[in-house]
N, C-alpha and C. Protein backbone atom coordinates (compact mmCIF):
# COMPACT_ATOMS: atom_id res chain seq x y z
N MET A 1 123.21 -104.79 -5.72
CA MET A 1 121.97 -105.21 -5.10
C MET A 1 121.10 -105.91 -6.15
N THR A 2 120.57 -107.04 -5.79
CA THR A 2 119.71 -107.81 -6.69
C THR A 2 118.27 -107.38 -6.48
N VAL A 3 117.56 -107.13 -7.59
CA VAL A 3 116.17 -106.71 -7.53
C VAL A 3 115.31 -107.64 -8.38
N ALA A 4 114.04 -107.70 -8.06
CA ALA A 4 113.08 -108.45 -8.88
C ALA A 4 112.75 -107.62 -10.10
N ALA A 5 112.66 -108.26 -11.26
CA ALA A 5 112.41 -107.55 -12.51
C ALA A 5 111.65 -108.46 -13.47
N THR A 6 111.26 -107.88 -14.61
CA THR A 6 110.54 -108.61 -15.65
C THR A 6 111.17 -108.30 -17.00
N VAL A 7 111.33 -109.32 -17.83
CA VAL A 7 111.86 -109.12 -19.17
C VAL A 7 110.78 -108.45 -20.02
N LEU A 8 111.09 -107.26 -20.55
CA LEU A 8 110.15 -106.56 -21.42
C LEU A 8 110.22 -107.08 -22.85
N VAL A 9 111.43 -107.17 -23.36
CA VAL A 9 111.64 -107.63 -24.74
C VAL A 9 112.98 -108.35 -24.79
N TRP A 10 113.04 -109.38 -25.63
CA TRP A 10 114.29 -110.11 -25.80
C TRP A 10 114.50 -110.38 -27.28
N HIS A 11 115.62 -109.92 -27.83
CA HIS A 11 115.98 -110.10 -29.24
C HIS A 11 116.91 -111.31 -29.33
N GLU A 12 116.32 -112.46 -29.53
CA GLU A 12 117.08 -113.72 -29.53
C GLU A 12 118.22 -113.70 -30.53
N ALA A 13 117.94 -113.25 -31.75
CA ALA A 13 118.95 -113.27 -32.82
C ALA A 13 120.13 -112.36 -32.51
N GLU A 14 119.88 -111.24 -31.82
CA GLU A 14 120.96 -110.32 -31.48
C GLU A 14 121.55 -110.58 -30.10
N GLY A 15 120.84 -111.34 -29.26
CA GLY A 15 121.36 -111.68 -27.94
C GLY A 15 121.27 -110.59 -26.90
N TRP A 16 120.26 -109.72 -27.01
CA TRP A 16 120.10 -108.68 -26.00
C TRP A 16 118.62 -108.37 -25.81
N GLY A 17 118.34 -107.66 -24.72
CA GLY A 17 116.96 -107.30 -24.45
C GLY A 17 116.87 -106.21 -23.41
N VAL A 18 115.65 -105.94 -22.99
CA VAL A 18 115.38 -104.89 -22.01
C VAL A 18 114.62 -105.51 -20.85
N ILE A 19 115.06 -105.20 -19.65
CA ILE A 19 114.47 -105.72 -18.43
C ILE A 19 113.96 -104.54 -17.62
N ASP A 20 112.79 -104.68 -17.03
CA ASP A 20 112.16 -103.58 -16.30
C ASP A 20 112.06 -103.90 -14.82
N SER A 21 112.31 -102.89 -14.01
CA SER A 21 112.10 -102.98 -12.57
C SER A 21 111.83 -101.57 -12.05
N PRO A 22 111.24 -101.45 -10.86
CA PRO A 22 111.02 -100.12 -10.29
C PRO A 22 112.33 -99.35 -10.10
N GLU A 23 113.42 -100.07 -9.88
CA GLU A 23 114.71 -99.44 -9.64
C GLU A 23 115.40 -98.98 -10.93
N THR A 24 114.92 -99.45 -12.09
CA THR A 24 115.52 -99.10 -13.38
C THR A 24 114.47 -98.51 -14.31
N PRO A 25 113.91 -97.35 -13.98
CA PRO A 25 112.85 -96.78 -14.81
C PRO A 25 113.32 -96.54 -16.24
N GLY A 26 112.47 -96.91 -17.19
CA GLY A 26 112.82 -96.78 -18.60
C GLY A 26 113.49 -98.02 -19.16
N GLY A 27 113.79 -98.98 -18.30
CA GLY A 27 114.36 -100.24 -18.74
C GLY A 27 115.85 -100.35 -18.53
N CYS A 28 116.30 -101.57 -18.42
CA CYS A 28 117.71 -101.90 -18.21
C CYS A 28 118.17 -102.77 -19.37
N TRP A 29 119.21 -102.36 -20.07
CA TRP A 29 119.75 -103.10 -21.20
C TRP A 29 120.48 -104.33 -20.68
N ALA A 30 120.27 -105.48 -21.31
CA ALA A 30 120.93 -106.72 -20.89
C ALA A 30 121.44 -107.49 -22.10
N HIS A 31 122.59 -108.07 -21.98
CA HIS A 31 123.22 -108.90 -23.01
C HIS A 31 123.17 -110.35 -22.56
N PHE A 32 123.13 -111.27 -23.51
CA PHE A 32 123.03 -112.69 -23.14
C PHE A 32 124.18 -113.13 -22.25
N SER A 33 125.34 -112.49 -22.36
CA SER A 33 126.49 -112.89 -21.54
C SER A 33 126.30 -112.52 -20.07
N HIS A 34 125.28 -111.72 -19.77
CA HIS A 34 125.00 -111.36 -18.38
C HIS A 34 124.05 -112.34 -17.71
N ILE A 35 123.53 -113.30 -18.47
CA ILE A 35 122.62 -114.29 -17.90
C ILE A 35 123.46 -115.36 -17.21
N VAL A 36 123.30 -115.47 -15.91
CA VAL A 36 124.14 -116.37 -15.12
C VAL A 36 123.39 -117.66 -14.79
N THR A 37 123.20 -118.47 -15.82
CA THR A 37 122.59 -119.80 -15.68
C THR A 37 123.45 -120.79 -16.44
N GLN A 38 123.31 -122.04 -16.11
CA GLN A 38 123.96 -123.09 -16.88
C GLN A 38 123.13 -123.31 -18.15
N GLY A 39 123.76 -123.71 -19.22
CA GLY A 39 123.02 -123.99 -20.44
C GLY A 39 122.76 -122.74 -21.26
N ALA A 40 121.64 -122.75 -21.99
CA ALA A 40 121.30 -121.67 -22.91
C ALA A 40 121.13 -120.35 -22.17
N HIS A 41 121.69 -119.30 -22.73
CA HIS A 41 121.59 -117.97 -22.14
C HIS A 41 120.59 -117.15 -22.94
N SER A 42 119.33 -117.34 -22.61
CA SER A 42 118.26 -116.66 -23.31
C SER A 42 117.14 -116.36 -22.32
N LEU A 43 116.36 -115.34 -22.65
CA LEU A 43 115.22 -114.97 -21.83
C LEU A 43 114.00 -114.83 -22.73
N ARG A 44 112.82 -114.68 -22.13
CA ARG A 44 111.60 -114.49 -22.92
C ARG A 44 110.80 -113.34 -22.34
N PRO A 45 110.12 -112.57 -23.18
CA PRO A 45 109.30 -111.46 -22.68
C PRO A 45 108.29 -111.95 -21.64
N GLY A 46 108.14 -111.16 -20.57
CA GLY A 46 107.23 -111.48 -19.49
C GLY A 46 107.84 -112.35 -18.41
N GLN A 47 109.03 -112.87 -18.64
CA GLN A 47 109.67 -113.77 -17.68
C GLN A 47 110.14 -112.98 -16.44
N PRO A 48 109.79 -113.44 -15.23
CA PRO A 48 110.32 -112.81 -14.03
C PRO A 48 111.78 -113.23 -13.82
N VAL A 49 112.60 -112.27 -13.47
CA VAL A 49 114.03 -112.51 -13.28
C VAL A 49 114.53 -111.76 -12.06
N HIS A 50 115.75 -112.09 -11.66
CA HIS A 50 116.49 -111.31 -10.67
C HIS A 50 117.56 -110.57 -11.46
N LEU A 51 117.79 -109.32 -11.09
CA LEU A 51 118.64 -108.43 -11.86
C LEU A 51 119.62 -107.69 -10.96
N ASP A 52 120.88 -107.70 -11.36
CA ASP A 52 121.89 -106.80 -10.80
C ASP A 52 122.24 -105.83 -11.91
N TRP A 53 122.39 -104.56 -11.58
CA TRP A 53 122.56 -103.54 -12.61
C TRP A 53 123.48 -102.43 -12.13
N VAL A 54 123.92 -101.62 -13.09
CA VAL A 54 124.69 -100.41 -12.81
C VAL A 54 124.10 -99.28 -13.64
N ALA A 55 124.24 -98.07 -13.16
CA ALA A 55 123.83 -96.91 -13.95
C ALA A 55 124.89 -96.69 -15.01
N GLY A 56 124.45 -96.46 -16.24
CA GLY A 56 125.38 -96.23 -17.34
C GLY A 56 124.66 -96.35 -18.66
N GLU A 57 124.99 -95.51 -19.59
CA GLU A 57 124.33 -95.48 -20.89
C GLU A 57 124.70 -96.70 -21.74
N GLN A 58 123.69 -97.28 -22.34
CA GLN A 58 123.89 -98.40 -23.27
C GLN A 58 122.74 -98.39 -24.27
N ASP A 59 123.02 -98.07 -25.51
CA ASP A 59 122.02 -98.09 -26.58
C ASP A 59 120.74 -97.34 -26.22
N GLY A 60 120.88 -96.20 -25.57
CA GLY A 60 119.73 -95.36 -25.24
C GLY A 60 119.08 -95.67 -23.91
N TYR A 61 119.57 -96.64 -23.18
CA TYR A 61 119.04 -96.97 -21.85
C TYR A 61 119.99 -96.42 -20.80
N HIS A 62 119.44 -96.04 -19.64
CA HIS A 62 120.25 -95.43 -18.58
C HIS A 62 120.82 -96.46 -17.61
N PHE A 63 120.49 -97.74 -17.82
CA PHE A 63 120.96 -98.79 -16.92
C PHE A 63 121.44 -99.98 -17.73
N ARG A 64 122.44 -100.69 -17.20
CA ARG A 64 122.98 -101.91 -17.83
C ARG A 64 122.98 -103.04 -16.81
N ALA A 65 122.59 -104.20 -17.26
CA ALA A 65 122.61 -105.38 -16.39
C ALA A 65 124.05 -105.84 -16.19
N THR A 66 124.34 -106.31 -14.97
CA THR A 66 125.62 -106.96 -14.72
C THR A 66 125.42 -108.46 -14.50
N SER A 67 124.22 -108.85 -14.08
CA SER A 67 123.85 -110.26 -14.03
C SER A 67 122.33 -110.37 -14.00
N VAL A 68 121.85 -111.42 -14.66
CA VAL A 68 120.42 -111.70 -14.74
C VAL A 68 120.24 -113.20 -14.61
N TYR A 69 119.21 -113.61 -13.87
CA TYR A 69 118.88 -115.04 -13.84
C TYR A 69 117.39 -115.19 -13.57
N PRO A 70 116.78 -116.22 -14.14
CA PRO A 70 115.34 -116.45 -13.96
C PRO A 70 114.99 -116.54 -12.47
N ALA A 71 113.83 -116.00 -12.11
CA ALA A 71 113.40 -115.94 -10.71
C ALA A 71 113.25 -117.32 -10.09
N ASP A 72 112.99 -118.33 -10.90
CA ASP A 72 112.80 -119.68 -10.36
C ASP A 72 114.08 -120.51 -10.37
N GLU A 73 115.23 -119.88 -10.61
CA GLU A 73 116.51 -120.59 -10.64
C GLU A 73 117.50 -119.96 -9.67
N THR A 74 118.53 -120.70 -9.36
CA THR A 74 119.64 -120.20 -8.57
C THR A 74 120.73 -119.76 -9.54
N PRO A 75 121.35 -118.61 -9.31
CA PRO A 75 122.39 -118.17 -10.24
C PRO A 75 123.56 -119.14 -10.24
N ALA A 76 124.15 -119.31 -11.40
CA ALA A 76 125.33 -120.17 -11.54
C ALA A 76 126.55 -119.30 -11.74
N ASP A 77 127.68 -119.73 -11.25
CA ASP A 77 128.93 -119.01 -11.48
C ASP A 77 129.46 -119.45 -12.83
N VAL A 78 129.10 -118.71 -13.87
CA VAL A 78 129.46 -119.09 -15.23
C VAL A 78 130.58 -118.24 -15.81
N ARG A 79 131.11 -117.32 -15.03
CA ARG A 79 132.15 -116.44 -15.54
C ARG A 79 133.52 -116.95 -15.15
N PRO A 80 134.52 -116.68 -15.98
CA PRO A 80 135.88 -117.12 -15.65
C PRO A 80 136.36 -116.48 -14.36
N THR A 81 137.13 -117.21 -13.58
CA THR A 81 137.65 -116.71 -12.32
C THR A 81 138.54 -115.50 -12.55
N GLY A 82 138.34 -114.47 -11.74
CA GLY A 82 139.22 -113.30 -11.78
C GLY A 82 138.87 -112.27 -12.83
N THR A 83 137.76 -112.40 -13.51
CA THR A 83 137.38 -111.41 -14.52
C THR A 83 135.87 -111.24 -14.53
N HIS A 84 135.42 -110.10 -15.00
CA HIS A 84 133.99 -109.84 -15.11
C HIS A 84 133.52 -109.95 -16.54
N GLN A 85 134.39 -110.36 -17.43
CA GLN A 85 134.00 -110.48 -18.83
C GLN A 85 134.20 -111.91 -19.28
N THR A 86 133.36 -112.31 -20.21
CA THR A 86 133.52 -113.63 -20.79
C THR A 86 134.54 -113.54 -21.91
N PRO A 87 135.10 -114.66 -22.36
CA PRO A 87 136.10 -114.62 -23.43
C PRO A 87 135.57 -113.96 -24.71
N GLY A 88 134.28 -113.95 -24.92
CA GLY A 88 133.72 -113.36 -26.12
C GLY A 88 133.94 -111.86 -26.22
N TYR A 89 134.29 -111.21 -25.13
CA TYR A 89 134.53 -109.78 -25.15
C TYR A 89 135.95 -109.43 -25.53
N HIS A 90 136.83 -110.38 -25.61
CA HIS A 90 138.23 -110.10 -25.88
C HIS A 90 138.51 -110.18 -27.37
N SER A 91 139.15 -109.18 -27.88
CA SER A 91 139.59 -109.22 -29.27
C SER A 91 140.82 -108.35 -29.42
N THR A 92 141.56 -108.61 -30.47
CA THR A 92 142.73 -107.79 -30.77
C THR A 92 142.73 -107.46 -32.25
N LEU A 93 143.43 -106.42 -32.58
CA LEU A 93 143.57 -106.01 -33.97
C LEU A 93 144.96 -105.45 -34.15
N GLU A 94 145.64 -105.91 -35.16
CA GLU A 94 146.97 -105.39 -35.47
C GLU A 94 146.95 -104.86 -36.89
N LEU A 95 147.33 -103.60 -37.04
CA LEU A 95 147.40 -102.98 -38.36
C LEU A 95 148.86 -102.81 -38.75
N THR A 96 149.19 -103.19 -39.95
CA THR A 96 150.53 -103.01 -40.48
C THR A 96 150.43 -102.24 -41.78
N PHE A 97 151.13 -101.12 -41.85
CA PHE A 97 151.10 -100.29 -43.04
C PHE A 97 152.39 -100.46 -43.82
N ASP A 98 152.27 -100.43 -45.12
CA ASP A 98 153.46 -100.47 -45.97
C ASP A 98 154.23 -99.17 -45.81
N ASP A 99 155.53 -99.28 -45.85
CA ASP A 99 156.37 -98.10 -45.77
C ASP A 99 156.27 -97.37 -47.10
N PRO A 100 155.81 -96.11 -47.13
CA PRO A 100 155.63 -95.42 -48.40
C PRO A 100 156.94 -95.14 -49.13
N ASP A 101 158.09 -95.20 -48.41
CA ASP A 101 159.37 -94.92 -49.03
C ASP A 101 160.04 -96.15 -49.63
N VAL A 102 159.43 -97.32 -49.44
CA VAL A 102 159.98 -98.57 -49.97
C VAL A 102 159.21 -98.92 -51.23
N PRO A 103 159.91 -99.07 -52.36
CA PRO A 103 159.18 -99.43 -53.61
C PRO A 103 158.50 -100.79 -53.48
N GLY A 104 157.28 -100.86 -53.96
CA GLY A 104 156.49 -102.08 -53.83
C GLY A 104 156.69 -102.94 -54.99
């Protein structure tokens, strides 16, 4: 469900902020990747927005945004088809250990 909300604080350098609405008391954590607009994905304190959210802990907040867009804009479909995550969330790590029984 989309609700009307207001940006409380936005940390441009870190790409996250807190959005407030009556439905998300205490604030809703939002990441820049949840901003569904074309172009720059940034918000400013005091900006009215539309917010979709889920209940869930994130950095001390009880709610997390799933999509955010400025109140005066139409949301854009900026996510890859068939997934709810942007490519920036994907990473891999491969660890290879030396065999302790093989002389180095």
